Amino acid sequence: MTDTSHENVPSRARRRFPGISSRAYEHPADRSALVALRRLTGFDTVFKALSGLLPERSLRLLFLSDSVRVSEAQFAHLNDMLRDACYILDLEKVPPMYVKQDPQPNAMCIGMDEPIIVVTTGLVELLDEEEMRAVVGHEVGHALSGHSVYRTILLFLTNLAVKVAWIPLGNVAIMAIVTALREWFRKSELSADRAGLLVGQDIQASMRGLMKIAGGNHLHEMNVDAFLAQADEYEKGGDLRDSVLKILNVLPRTHPFTTVRAAELKKWSETRDFQRIMDGHYPRRDEDKDASVTDSFRESASHYADTVRTSKDPLMKLVGDIAGGAGDLGGKLRDKFTGGAGTAKGGAGTSATDGGGTPGGTEGPEGPEGPEEGPRKA
C-alpha cells in the first residue's frame, strides 16, 4: 500500500510553498485553458463518465505487474525525491510512482481518478540526483495542475485515431481534437518545467537535465550557453520555408523542442514572477474558485500578441508586419471617414506611424523573446 503521508520527509534546505496554486507557475496559454475547463458546469461529471471508456484501470494493473513501484524498499532515493517534491509544492497525497524498463529517457504523469507517475530506466540512469529532482518536480507539477487527466485523454484519442483511420471523416474529426490537445499539452510542459525548477531550486541542474535529454550523458562535451544559442538560431529560422517546416515538425509532438524548453525556463527564472514566488508571494489554491476566466484569456491573448511582436521567426515577423499594416490602414480609414478628427485627437499615436513605418511593426520583432514552441519528454 502506498504511503500518502508526509512523515519522515527528507531534510532539505529548500523553500516550501504552502497552499500554492498551480496558477503560480502555469504558462498563460495552459492556465487560460485550465481555468476555463475547471469552471465548466458538469465538467468533472462528464470526465468521470468518460473514464469508464479509458484504459486507466488496465494501465494501473500493467504498471503494478510489469514495473517497479517506488517506495522505501525500492528506488528509495526516488521515493525521497517524490515525497520532497510533494512537500515543497504542498501536494497532499503522494502519487504512486513506477520505474519502467525502457532505454528511452522518458517520464509521464497519467490517470483520471488519481495521477500515476512513471519514469523509465533510461532517464534514471541518465540524470544525476539534482537533475532527477527537477524531473520529479516536473511530474508532480503535472499532478498538481490536473494535467494527468488530459494527458490520459490524449493518449486514448491518439490510439483511437489509429484504430478508426479507415473511416474517412471519423479520423479527421478525432485528429482535429488531438492536434488541439497537443498544442495545449506543449504549453503544459513549459508549466511543468517551471514546477520542476520550484522543486529543485537549481536552474543549472534543470539546464543540465534538458541538455542530457537532448544529447546524452556527455556533459563534458556540452555547454549551456551554446545550447541556449541553438534555441535562438532555431527561432530565427532562415526564411518562410523554414517557418512552415518548424510548424510541420512540431504538430505531431506533445512536447516542445528541448532547446526551446531550456530557453523558456531560463527566461522565466529571470523574471519578477519567479522571484515573487521564491519570496513567498504567489496565488493560493483556495483562491482558485475565484479565478477569472476572462482575465486568464486576456493574459493568454496578450502573451501570444507579445510573442508575435517580439519573435525573430520570419513567419511571425510577417504576421506582425501584416497586423501592423492592418492597424495603420484602419487608422487611415478612420481619419478619412471622420474628417481627420482621429489624427488631431490622437496625434501622438499617429506620429509614431509617420516616423517609423507600421506601429509596433518591423522594429518589435527584433526583441529578445522567442516563440513558445518547441519536444522531448521528461
Protein backbone atom coordinates (compact mmCIF):
# COMPACT_ATOMS: atom_id res chain seq x y z
CA MET A 1 0.00 0.00 0.00
CA THR A 2 1.34 3.42 -0.97
CA ASP A 3 2.21 5.73 1.93
CA THR A 4 0.48 9.05 1.30
CA SER A 5 1.63 10.92 4.42
CA HIS A 6 4.45 13.43 4.73
CA GLU A 7 6.04 11.86 7.80
CA ASN A 8 9.79 11.36 7.76
CA VAL A 9 10.28 13.51 4.67
CA PRO A 10 13.98 14.03 3.93
CA SER A 11 15.78 17.03 5.39
CA ARG A 12 16.07 19.95 3.00
CA ALA A 13 17.37 23.47 2.67
CA ARG A 14 14.80 24.40 0.03
CA ARG A 15 11.95 26.85 0.25
CA ARG A 16 8.48 25.34 0.62
CA PHE A 17 5.28 26.83 -0.88
CA PRO A 18 2.30 26.05 1.40
CA GLY A 19 -1.03 26.11 -0.39
CA ILE A 20 0.50 27.18 -3.71
CA SER A 21 -1.88 27.18 -6.66
CA SER A 22 -0.70 25.75 -9.95
CA ARG A 23 -1.68 29.11 -11.42
CA ALA A 24 1.54 30.45 -9.91
CA TYR A 25 3.73 28.62 -12.42
CA GLU A 26 1.41 27.80 -15.31
CA HIS A 27 2.16 29.12 -18.77
CA PRO A 28 -0.50 31.70 -19.79
CA ALA A 29 -1.93 29.52 -22.59
CA ASP A 30 -2.01 26.49 -20.30
CA ARG A 31 -3.58 28.46 -17.46
CA SER A 32 -6.38 30.01 -19.54
CA ALA A 33 -7.44 26.60 -20.85
CA LEU A 34 -7.39 25.02 -17.39
CA VAL A 35 -9.28 27.86 -15.70
CA ALA A 36 -11.99 27.65 -18.35
CA LEU A 37 -12.29 23.87 -18.08
CA ARG A 38 -12.41 23.94 -14.28
CA ARG A 39 -15.26 26.46 -14.35
CA LEU A 40 -17.43 24.47 -16.78
CA THR A 41 -20.57 23.18 -15.08
CA GLY A 42 -20.61 19.40 -15.05
CA PHE A 43 -17.02 19.14 -16.27
CA ASP A 44 -16.00 16.65 -13.59
CA THR A 45 -19.14 14.54 -14.16
CA VAL A 46 -18.53 14.30 -17.90
CA PHE A 47 -14.94 13.19 -17.49
CA LYS A 48 -15.78 10.73 -14.75
CA ALA A 49 -18.23 9.14 -17.18
CA LEU A 50 -15.60 9.18 -19.91
CA SER A 51 -13.13 7.47 -17.60
CA GLY A 52 -15.16 4.28 -17.99
CA LEU A 53 -14.13 4.22 -21.66
CA LEU A 54 -10.45 4.88 -20.97
CA PRO A 55 -7.94 2.10 -20.28
CA GLU A 56 -6.87 3.64 -16.96
CA ARG A 57 -7.60 0.58 -14.84
CA SER A 58 -5.70 -1.55 -17.34
CA LEU A 59 -2.71 0.84 -17.21
CA ARG A 60 -2.61 0.73 -13.42
CA LEU A 61 -2.59 -3.07 -13.45
CA LEU A 62 0.07 -3.06 -16.17
CA PHE A 63 2.47 -0.86 -14.23
CA LEU A 64 1.77 -2.73 -11.00
CA SER A 65 2.52 -6.09 -12.63
CA ASP A 66 5.35 -5.21 -15.01
CA SER A 67 7.22 -2.25 -13.44
CA VAL A 68 8.88 -1.47 -10.11
CA ARG A 69 6.89 0.64 -7.67
CA VAL A 70 8.97 3.28 -5.93
CA SER A 71 8.93 3.00 -2.13
CA GLU A 72 11.21 3.00 0.90
CA ALA A 73 12.21 -0.53 -0.14
CA GLN A 74 12.61 0.05 -3.89
CA PHE A 75 14.40 3.01 -5.51
CA ALA A 76 14.49 4.68 -2.11
CA HIS A 77 16.30 7.76 -3.46
CA LEU A 78 13.47 8.37 -5.94
CA ASN A 79 10.96 7.87 -3.14
CA ASP A 80 12.71 10.60 -1.13
CA MET A 81 12.66 12.95 -4.13
CA LEU A 82 8.98 12.29 -4.76
CA ARG A 83 7.97 12.94 -1.15
CA ASP A 84 10.21 16.01 -1.08
CA ALA A 85 8.61 17.40 -4.25
CA CYS A 86 5.11 16.84 -2.87
CA TYR A 87 6.15 18.53 0.38
CA ILE A 88 7.58 21.59 -1.38
CA LEU A 89 4.53 22.05 -3.65
CA ASP A 90 2.19 21.07 -0.80
CA LEU A 91 0.54 18.22 -2.72
CA GLU A 92 -1.43 16.45 -0.02
CA LYS A 93 -1.43 12.94 -1.47
CA VAL A 94 1.80 11.48 -2.81
CA PRO A 95 1.01 9.80 -6.17
CA PRO A 96 2.27 6.28 -6.88
CA MET A 97 5.48 6.25 -8.90
CA TYR A 98 6.83 3.42 -11.07
CA VAL A 99 10.13 2.72 -12.79
CA LYS A 100 9.67 1.07 -16.18
CA GLN A 101 12.37 -0.79 -18.08
CA ASP A 102 12.93 1.29 -21.20
CA PRO A 103 16.26 2.65 -22.51
CA GLN A 104 14.50 5.74 -23.89
CA PRO A 105 14.68 8.61 -21.33
CA ASN A 106 11.08 9.45 -20.56
CA ALA A 107 8.64 10.31 -17.79
CA MET A 108 4.90 10.87 -17.67
CA CYS A 109 2.01 11.60 -15.34
CA ILE A 110 -1.30 9.99 -16.29
CA GLY A 111 -4.58 9.00 -14.66
CA MET A 112 -8.20 10.16 -14.49
CA ASP A 113 -9.10 9.47 -10.86
CA GLU A 114 -5.63 9.61 -9.35
CA PRO A 115 -2.36 10.52 -11.08
CA ILE A 116 0.39 7.95 -11.63
CA ILE A 117 3.99 8.96 -12.30
CA VAL A 118 6.11 6.71 -14.50
CA VAL A 119 9.84 7.14 -15.21
CA THR A 120 11.98 4.96 -17.43
CA THR A 121 15.26 3.30 -16.52
CA GLY A 122 16.86 5.28 -19.33
CA LEU A 123 16.02 8.51 -17.55
CA VAL A 124 17.06 7.25 -14.09
CA GLU A 125 20.45 6.15 -15.44
CA LEU A 126 20.98 9.38 -17.41
CA LEU A 127 20.41 12.04 -14.74
CA ASP A 128 22.22 12.86 -11.52
CA GLU A 129 20.36 13.48 -8.25
CA GLU A 130 19.67 17.21 -8.71
CA GLU A 131 18.70 16.80 -12.37
CA MET A 132 16.35 13.98 -11.46
CA ARG A 133 14.87 16.08 -8.66
CA ALA A 134 13.82 18.67 -11.26
CA VAL A 135 12.19 15.95 -13.38
CA VAL A 136 10.28 14.54 -10.40
CA GLY A 137 9.14 18.07 -9.58
CA HIS A 138 8.08 18.45 -13.22
CA GLU A 139 5.81 15.42 -12.93
CA VAL A 140 4.43 16.49 -9.54
CA GLY A 141 3.66 19.84 -11.18
CA HIS A 142 1.60 17.96 -13.78
CA ALA A 143 -0.28 16.24 -10.95
CA LEU A 144 -0.95 19.50 -9.09
CA SER A 145 -2.23 21.18 -12.27
CA GLY A 146 -4.52 18.26 -13.13
CA HIS A 147 -2.69 17.66 -16.41
CA SER A 148 -2.78 13.90 -15.93
CA VAL A 149 -6.49 13.86 -16.83
CA TYR A 150 -5.96 15.48 -20.23
CA ARG A 151 -2.79 13.51 -20.86
CA THR A 152 -4.76 10.29 -20.42
CA ILE A 153 -7.45 11.54 -22.80
CA LEU A 154 -4.80 12.50 -25.35
CA LEU A 155 -3.27 9.02 -25.21
CA PHE A 156 -6.70 7.45 -25.59
CA LEU A 157 -7.69 9.63 -28.56
CA THR A 158 -4.33 9.12 -30.28
CA ASN A 159 -4.78 5.36 -30.08
CA LEU A 160 -8.40 5.69 -31.19
CA ALA A 161 -7.36 7.73 -34.23
CA VAL A 162 -5.15 4.86 -35.35
CA LYS A 163 -7.98 2.34 -34.95
CA VAL A 164 -10.51 4.39 -36.95
CA ALA A 165 -8.07 5.56 -39.60
CA TRP A 166 -10.07 3.63 -42.20
CA ILE A 167 -13.16 5.79 -41.53
CA PRO A 168 -12.82 8.84 -43.83
CA LEU A 169 -14.36 11.54 -41.63
CA GLY A 170 -14.02 9.86 -38.25
CA ASN A 171 -10.22 10.05 -38.26
CA VAL A 172 -10.25 13.69 -39.39
CA ALA A 173 -12.55 14.71 -36.55
CA ILE A 174 -10.53 12.88 -33.89
CA MET A 175 -7.20 14.17 -35.23
CA ALA A 176 -8.53 17.74 -35.05
CA ILE A 177 -9.15 17.24 -31.32
CA VAL A 178 -5.78 15.52 -30.90
CA THR A 179 -3.99 18.40 -32.63
CA ALA A 180 -5.65 20.94 -30.34
CA LEU A 181 -4.82 18.86 -27.25
CA ARG A 182 -1.20 18.55 -28.37
CA GLU A 183 -0.88 22.31 -28.74
CA TRP A 184 -2.26 22.76 -25.22
CA PHE A 185 -0.04 19.98 -23.86
CA ARG A 186 3.10 21.53 -25.32
CA LYS A 187 2.33 24.63 -23.27
CA SER A 188 1.59 22.50 -20.20
CA GLU A 189 5.10 21.05 -20.49
CA LEU A 190 6.51 24.56 -20.14
CA SER A 191 4.37 24.92 -17.00
CA ALA A 192 5.70 21.65 -15.57
CA ASP A 193 9.31 22.70 -16.30
CA ARG A 194 8.65 25.72 -14.08
CA ALA A 195 7.27 23.46 -11.35
CA GLY A 196 10.43 21.37 -11.62
CA LEU A 197 12.52 24.48 -11.04
CA LEU A 198 10.43 25.42 -7.99
CA VAL A 199 11.08 21.96 -6.55
CA GLY A 200 14.78 21.66 -7.43
CA GLN A 201 15.51 25.38 -6.99
CA ASP A 202 18.65 24.92 -9.12
CA ILE A 203 18.45 26.39 -12.63
CA GLN A 204 21.79 24.86 -13.61
CA ALA A 205 20.54 21.36 -12.74
CA SER A 206 17.40 21.98 -14.82
CA MET A 207 19.56 23.11 -17.76
CA ARG A 208 21.86 20.11 -17.43
CA GLY A 209 18.92 17.72 -17.38
CA LEU A 210 17.45 19.17 -20.58
CA MET A 211 20.87 19.06 -22.28
CA LYS A 212 21.29 15.41 -21.33
CA ILE A 213 17.84 14.57 -22.68
CA ALA A 214 18.89 16.16 -25.97
CA GLY A 215 22.50 14.94 -26.20
CA GLY A 216 23.03 12.10 -23.76
CA ASN A 217 25.38 11.75 -20.81
CA HIS A 218 28.28 13.75 -22.26
CA LEU A 219 28.23 16.93 -20.18
CA HIS A 220 31.97 17.46 -20.67
CA GLU A 221 31.20 17.85 -24.38
CA MET A 222 28.31 20.31 -23.91
CA ASN A 223 27.91 23.94 -22.89
CA VAL A 224 24.76 25.64 -21.54
CA ASP A 225 25.34 28.93 -23.36
CA ALA A 226 25.96 27.18 -26.66
CA PHE A 227 22.87 25.02 -26.09
CA LEU A 228 20.72 28.10 -25.47
CA ALA A 229 22.22 29.72 -28.57
CA GLN A 230 20.78 26.83 -30.58
CA ALA A 231 17.30 27.86 -29.47
CA ASP A 232 17.94 31.41 -30.69
CA GLU A 233 19.22 30.11 -34.03
CA TYR A 234 16.21 27.81 -34.34
CA GLU A 235 13.84 30.69 -33.67
CA LYS A 236 15.35 32.92 -36.37
CA GLY A 237 14.71 30.06 -38.77
CA GLY A 238 16.11 31.36 -42.08
CA ASP A 239 13.15 32.09 -44.34
CA LEU A 240 9.41 31.42 -44.58
CA ARG A 241 10.00 27.86 -45.81
CA ASP A 242 11.86 27.09 -42.58
CA SER A 243 9.00 28.60 -40.58
CA VAL A 244 6.50 26.30 -42.28
CA LEU A 245 8.77 23.30 -41.70
CA LYS A 246 9.01 24.15 -38.00
CA ILE A 247 5.24 24.16 -37.74
CA LEU A 248 5.00 20.81 -39.53
CA ASN A 249 7.73 19.35 -37.32
CA VAL A 250 6.07 20.37 -34.06
CA LEU A 251 2.44 19.46 -34.90
CA PRO A 252 2.74 15.71 -34.15
CA ARG A 253 4.61 16.25 -30.89
CA THR A 254 3.29 16.52 -27.35
CA HIS A 255 6.46 18.18 -26.02
CA PRO A 256 8.24 21.37 -27.09
CA PHE A 257 11.73 21.02 -28.54
CA THR A 258 14.37 20.64 -25.85
CA THR A 259 16.48 23.70 -26.68
CA VAL A 260 13.36 25.86 -26.67
CA ARG A 261 12.27 24.39 -23.32
CA ALA A 262 15.66 25.31 -21.88
CA ALA A 263 15.48 28.86 -23.25
CA GLU A 264 11.93 29.36 -21.98
CA LEU A 265 12.78 28.08 -18.50
CA LYS A 266 15.94 30.21 -18.28
CA LYS A 267 13.95 33.27 -19.33
CA TRP A 268 11.23 32.57 -16.73
CA SER A 269 13.83 32.03 -13.98
CA GLU A 270 14.99 35.62 -14.53
CA THR A 271 11.53 37.19 -14.28
CA ARG A 272 9.98 39.08 -11.39
CA ASP A 273 7.17 36.47 -11.32
CA PHE A 274 9.64 33.74 -10.39
CA GLN A 275 11.33 35.88 -7.76
CA ARG A 276 7.98 36.77 -6.19
CA ILE A 277 7.14 33.07 -5.83
CA MET A 278 10.52 32.42 -4.22
CA ASP A 279 9.83 35.30 -1.83
CA GLY A 280 6.54 33.67 -0.80
CA HIS A 281 4.15 35.82 -2.84
CA TYR A 282 2.00 33.58 -5.02
CA PRO A 283 -1.68 32.70 -5.65
CA ARG A 284 -3.15 30.13 -3.26
CA ARG A 285 -5.25 27.18 -4.38
CA ASP A 286 -8.07 28.16 -2.03
CA GLU A 287 -8.48 31.21 -4.30
CA ASP A 288 -8.77 29.11 -7.50
CA LYS A 289 -12.56 29.19 -7.42
CA ASP A 290 -12.41 32.97 -7.74
CA ALA A 291 -10.01 32.93 -10.71
CA SER A 292 -11.39 34.95 -13.62
CA VAL A 293 -11.76 33.12 -16.93
CA THR A 294 -11.83 36.46 -18.74
CA ASP A 295 -8.61 37.64 -17.11
CA SER A 296 -6.90 34.34 -17.91
CA PHE A 297 -7.89 34.52 -21.57
CA ARG A 298 -6.83 38.17 -21.72
CA GLU A 299 -3.43 37.27 -20.30
CA SER A 300 -3.10 34.39 -22.76
CA ALA A 301 -4.04 36.61 -25.72
CA SER A 302 -1.59 39.28 -24.55
CA HIS A 303 1.16 36.67 -24.27
CA TYR A 304 0.59 35.42 -27.82
CA ALA A 305 0.49 39.00 -29.12
CA ASP A 306 3.82 39.73 -27.43
CA THR A 307 5.25 36.50 -28.85
CA VAL A 308 4.32 37.54 -32.39
CA ARG A 309 5.56 41.09 -31.83
CA THR A 310 8.98 40.11 -30.43
CA SER A 311 9.60 36.91 -32.37
CA LYS A 312 12.57 36.65 -34.72
CA ASP A 313 10.90 33.89 -36.71
CA PRO A 314 10.34 35.03 -40.34
CA LEU A 315 6.69 33.92 -40.39
CA MET A 316 5.92 35.57 -37.06
CA LYS A 317 7.62 38.77 -38.25
CA LEU A 318 5.45 38.68 -41.37
CA VAL A 319 2.33 38.21 -39.23
CA GLY A 320 3.43 41.14 -37.08
CA ASP A 321 4.03 43.30 -40.14
CA ILE A 322 0.63 42.40 -41.59
CA ALA A 323 -1.06 43.10 -38.27
CA GLY A 324 0.75 46.41 -38.00
CA GLY A 325 -0.15 47.29 -41.57
CA ALA A 326 -3.78 46.43 -40.92
CA GLY A 327 -3.79 48.73 -37.90
CA ASP A 328 -2.25 51.53 -39.95
CA LEU A 329 -4.83 51.03 -42.69
CA GLY A 330 -7.62 51.08 -40.14
CA GLY A 331 -6.33 54.36 -38.72
CA LYS A 332 -6.22 55.96 -42.13
CA LEU A 333 -9.74 54.81 -42.95
CA ARG A 334 -10.95 56.15 -39.61
CA ASP A 335 -9.36 59.52 -40.28
CA LYS A 336 -10.87 59.63 -43.77
CA PHE A 337 -14.39 58.97 -42.54
CA THR A 338 -14.11 61.30 -39.53
CA GLY A 339 -12.61 64.17 -41.42
CA GLY A 340 -9.20 63.82 -39.75
CA ALA A 341 -10.62 64.09 -36.24
CA GLY A 342 -8.79 60.98 -35.20
CA THR A 343 -5.49 62.49 -36.29
CA ALA A 344 -5.99 65.68 -34.33
CA LYS A 345 -7.29 63.92 -31.28
CA GLY A 346 -4.76 61.12 -31.22
CA GLY A 347 -1.77 62.82 -32.75
CA ALA A 348 0.74 61.03 -30.60
CA GLY A 349 -0.43 57.66 -31.80
CA THR A 350 -0.41 58.77 -35.44
CA SER A 351 3.03 60.35 -35.33
CA ALA A 352 4.52 57.02 -34.30
CA THR A 353 3.42 55.70 -37.67
CA ASP A 354 4.61 58.69 -39.62
CA GLY A 355 8.16 58.43 -38.39
CA GLY A 356 8.88 54.73 -38.48
CA GLY A 357 6.52 52.70 -40.62
CA THR A 358 3.88 50.43 -39.15
CA PRO A 359 3.07 50.79 -35.45
CA GLY A 360 4.62 48.04 -33.39
CA GLY A 361 5.68 46.60 -36.73
CA THR A 362 9.14 45.91 -38.05
CA GLU A 363 11.01 47.20 -35.01
CA GLY A 364 9.24 44.99 -32.44
CA PRO A 365 10.11 41.56 -33.85
CA GLU A 366 13.81 42.16 -33.24
CA GLY A 367 13.27 41.80 -29.47
CA PRO A 368 14.93 39.10 -27.37
CA GLU A 369 11.98 36.82 -26.73
CA GLY A 370 11.24 33.75 -28.78
CA PRO A 371 8.23 31.60 -29.66
CA GLU A 372 6.69 29.14 -27.24
CA GLU A 373 7.09 26.12 -29.43
CA GLY A 374 9.36 23.55 -29.20
CA PRO A 375 9.75 18.13 -27.59
CA ARG A 376 11.22 15.89 -25.52
CA LYS A 377 9.67 14.02 -22.73
CA ALA A 378 10.76 14.31 -19.16
